[in-house]
Amino acid sequence: MRFLVFSDTHGVRTPMQELYNLYPNDGIIHLGDYISDARWMMERTNGHPVYQVKGNCDYGAPGPELQMLELGGVMFLLTHGHRFGVKSGYGSLLAEGKRRGAQAVLFGHTHVPYLEEREGVLMMNPGALRNPGRDYGIIEIENGKVKGALLHQYD
């Protein structure tokens, strides 16, 4: 299974659709800021799922701020990250992921790409699609194992 991971799109929609069309995938994970962009993509994915959480800029928009999700036998915690103070460090978010039994924690908010396995948990921030390089991530799941990659649409 392969999922495209976007965060902090802030109205930058066309690159999401371009990347969706470029990569064979099983769906999209959108980590907030702007959840309306995720909903826009839902209309363009030919039935593929678009998992989504709200960010700090999604004032009054419906949707969860945190979501536990099982994909291909792997438990994911999805969140934007602002409620866990990720601009000051990832310890609180990692602790929450471990407490909930997540094997992978996906978040955004900082606009800085990050990928590391910490204490047996894959931590990924795809960066911001609105960044000049158009930062995003890919998650691949095979045989109950997850791996991630950080990519840029433009270098």
Protein backbone atom coordinates (compact mmCIF):
# COMPACT_ATOMS: atom_id res chain seq x y z
CA MET A 1 0.00 0.00 0.00
CA ARG A 2 1.17 3.52 -0.76
CA PHE A 3 -0.24 6.80 0.56
CA LEU A 4 0.68 10.36 -0.33
CA VAL A 5 1.09 12.51 2.79
CA PHE A 6 0.43 16.26 2.67
CA SER A 7 0.36 18.96 5.31
CA ASP A 8 0.05 22.71 5.46
CA THR A 9 -1.27 23.08 1.94
CA HIS A 10 -2.80 26.49 2.79
CA GLY A 11 -4.81 26.59 -0.44
CA VAL A 12 -2.12 25.09 -2.70
CA ARG A 13 -4.27 22.48 -4.40
CA THR A 14 -3.02 21.87 -7.93
CA PRO A 15 0.27 20.22 -6.81
CA MET A 16 -1.74 17.72 -4.74
CA GLN A 17 -3.68 16.67 -7.80
CA GLU A 18 -0.50 16.55 -9.94
CA LEU A 19 1.25 14.30 -7.41
CA TYR A 20 -1.83 12.14 -6.99
CA ASN A 21 -1.89 11.60 -10.75
CA LEU A 22 1.88 10.97 -10.90
CA TYR A 23 2.20 8.21 -8.26
CA PRO A 24 0.23 4.98 -8.14
CA ASN A 25 -1.34 5.18 -4.68
CA ASP A 26 -4.04 3.86 -2.40
CA GLY A 27 -5.07 7.25 -1.06
CA ILE A 28 -4.05 10.50 0.59
CA ILE A 29 -3.36 11.52 4.16
CA HIS A 30 -3.81 15.27 4.80
CA LEU A 31 -2.54 16.58 8.13
CA GLY A 32 -4.30 19.91 8.34
CA ASP A 33 -4.03 23.53 7.40
CA TYR A 34 -6.35 23.62 5.23
CA ILE A 35 -8.72 20.68 5.67
CA SER A 36 -10.82 22.21 2.87
CA ASP A 37 -7.97 21.29 0.49
CA ALA A 38 -8.32 17.64 1.57
CA ARG A 39 -12.04 17.80 0.89
CA TRP A 40 -11.33 19.31 -2.53
CA MET A 41 -9.08 16.32 -3.27
CA MET A 42 -11.82 13.89 -2.19
CA GLU A 43 -13.72 14.92 -5.31
CA ARG A 44 -10.71 14.07 -7.51
CA THR A 45 -9.47 10.70 -6.26
CA ASN A 46 -11.79 8.29 -8.07
CA GLY A 47 -12.92 6.75 -4.81
CA HIS A 48 -9.52 6.50 -3.11
CA PRO A 49 -9.72 7.54 0.54
CA VAL A 50 -8.55 10.92 1.77
CA TYR A 51 -7.83 10.71 5.51
CA GLN A 52 -7.73 14.10 7.16
CA VAL A 53 -7.34 16.02 10.40
CA LYS A 54 -7.79 19.70 11.18
CA GLY A 55 -4.95 22.11 11.83
CA ASN A 56 -4.67 25.32 13.80
CA CYS A 57 -5.79 27.36 10.76
CA ASP A 58 -8.97 25.32 10.24
CA TYR A 59 -11.11 27.60 12.41
CA GLY A 60 -14.60 26.19 12.85
CA ALA A 61 -14.18 23.55 10.13
CA PRO A 62 -15.73 20.18 10.92
CA GLY A 63 -13.40 17.24 11.40
CA PRO A 64 -11.17 15.60 13.98
CA GLU A 65 -7.95 17.10 15.33
CA LEU A 66 -6.57 13.62 16.02
CA GLN A 67 -7.32 10.32 14.35
CA MET A 68 -6.18 6.75 14.96
CA LEU A 69 -6.16 4.77 11.75
CA GLU A 70 -5.24 1.21 10.84
CA LEU A 71 -3.83 0.75 7.34
CA GLY A 72 -2.33 -2.52 6.14
CA GLY A 73 -1.95 -3.81 9.68
CA VAL A 74 -0.15 -0.67 10.90
CA MET A 75 -1.62 1.69 13.51
CA PHE A 76 -1.22 5.39 12.69
CA LEU A 77 -1.81 8.48 14.80
CA LEU A 78 -2.67 11.44 12.56
CA THR A 79 -2.62 14.99 13.92
CA HIS A 80 -1.57 18.46 12.84
CA GLY A 81 0.69 18.71 15.87
CA HIS A 82 -0.15 22.14 17.27
CA ARG A 83 -1.89 20.64 20.31
CA PHE A 84 1.31 18.74 21.14
CA GLY A 85 3.72 21.70 20.91
CA VAL A 86 5.72 20.24 18.02
CA LYS A 87 7.41 23.57 17.35
CA SER A 88 9.21 23.03 20.68
CA GLY A 89 9.96 19.33 20.27
CA TYR A 90 8.37 15.98 19.53
CA GLY A 91 8.47 14.32 22.96
CA SER A 92 4.85 14.99 23.87
CA LEU A 93 3.60 13.75 20.51
CA LEU A 94 5.78 10.64 20.65
CA ALA A 95 4.47 9.88 24.15
CA GLU A 96 0.87 10.21 22.92
CA GLY A 97 1.57 7.94 19.98
CA LYS A 98 3.10 5.30 22.22
CA ARG A 99 0.25 5.61 24.73
CA ARG A 100 -2.24 4.92 21.94
CA GLY A 101 -0.25 2.04 20.45
CA ALA A 102 0.70 3.81 17.21
CA GLN A 103 3.48 2.37 15.07
CA ALA A 104 3.62 5.60 13.06
CA VAL A 105 2.83 9.20 13.99
CA LEU A 106 2.16 11.64 11.15
CA PHE A 107 1.98 15.38 11.82
CA GLY A 108 2.59 18.81 10.31
CA HIS A 109 2.45 22.37 11.66
CA THR A 110 6.19 23.19 11.64
CA HIS A 111 6.46 23.28 7.82
CA VAL A 112 9.80 21.47 8.28
CA PRO A 113 10.15 17.95 6.82
CA TYR A 114 11.09 15.35 9.43
CA LEU A 115 11.41 11.57 9.28
CA GLU A 116 12.88 9.44 12.04
CA GLU A 117 12.16 6.25 13.92
CA ARG A 118 12.11 7.04 17.64
CA GLU A 119 11.62 4.38 20.27
CA GLY A 120 10.13 2.03 17.69
CA VAL A 121 7.68 4.62 16.31
CA LEU A 122 8.03 6.12 12.83
CA MET A 123 7.62 9.90 13.13
CA MET A 124 6.91 11.85 9.93
CA ASN A 125 6.22 15.47 9.12
CA PRO A 126 6.02 15.82 5.33
CA GLY A 127 6.76 19.54 5.53
CA ALA A 128 4.48 22.04 3.82
CA LEU A 129 3.19 21.63 0.31
CA ARG A 130 3.11 25.43 0.17
CA ASN A 131 6.90 25.59 0.76
CA PRO A 132 8.88 26.68 -2.33
CA GLY A 133 10.06 23.09 -2.96
CA ARG A 134 6.51 21.71 -2.49
CA ASP A 135 7.38 19.30 0.35
CA TYR A 136 5.37 16.10 0.78
CA GLY A 137 5.80 12.51 1.91
CA ILE A 138 5.01 8.98 0.90
CA ILE A 139 4.16 6.15 3.28
CA GLU A 140 4.50 2.56 2.10
CA ILE A 141 3.10 -0.40 4.00
CA GLU A 142 4.09 -3.95 3.23
CA ASN A 143 3.59 -7.08 5.35
CA GLY A 144 2.58 -5.00 8.38
CA LYS A 145 5.74 -2.84 8.19
CA VAL A 146 5.76 0.88 7.42
CA LYS A 147 8.41 3.04 5.83
CA GLY A 148 8.37 6.65 4.77
CA ALA A 149 10.08 9.01 2.35
CA LEU A 150 10.28 12.79 2.20
CA LEU A 151 10.12 14.33 -1.26
CA HIS A 152 9.91 17.69 -3.01
CA GLN A 153 7.92 18.39 -6.13
CA TYR A 154 10.40 21.11 -7.16
CA ASP A 155 14.05 21.34 -6.18
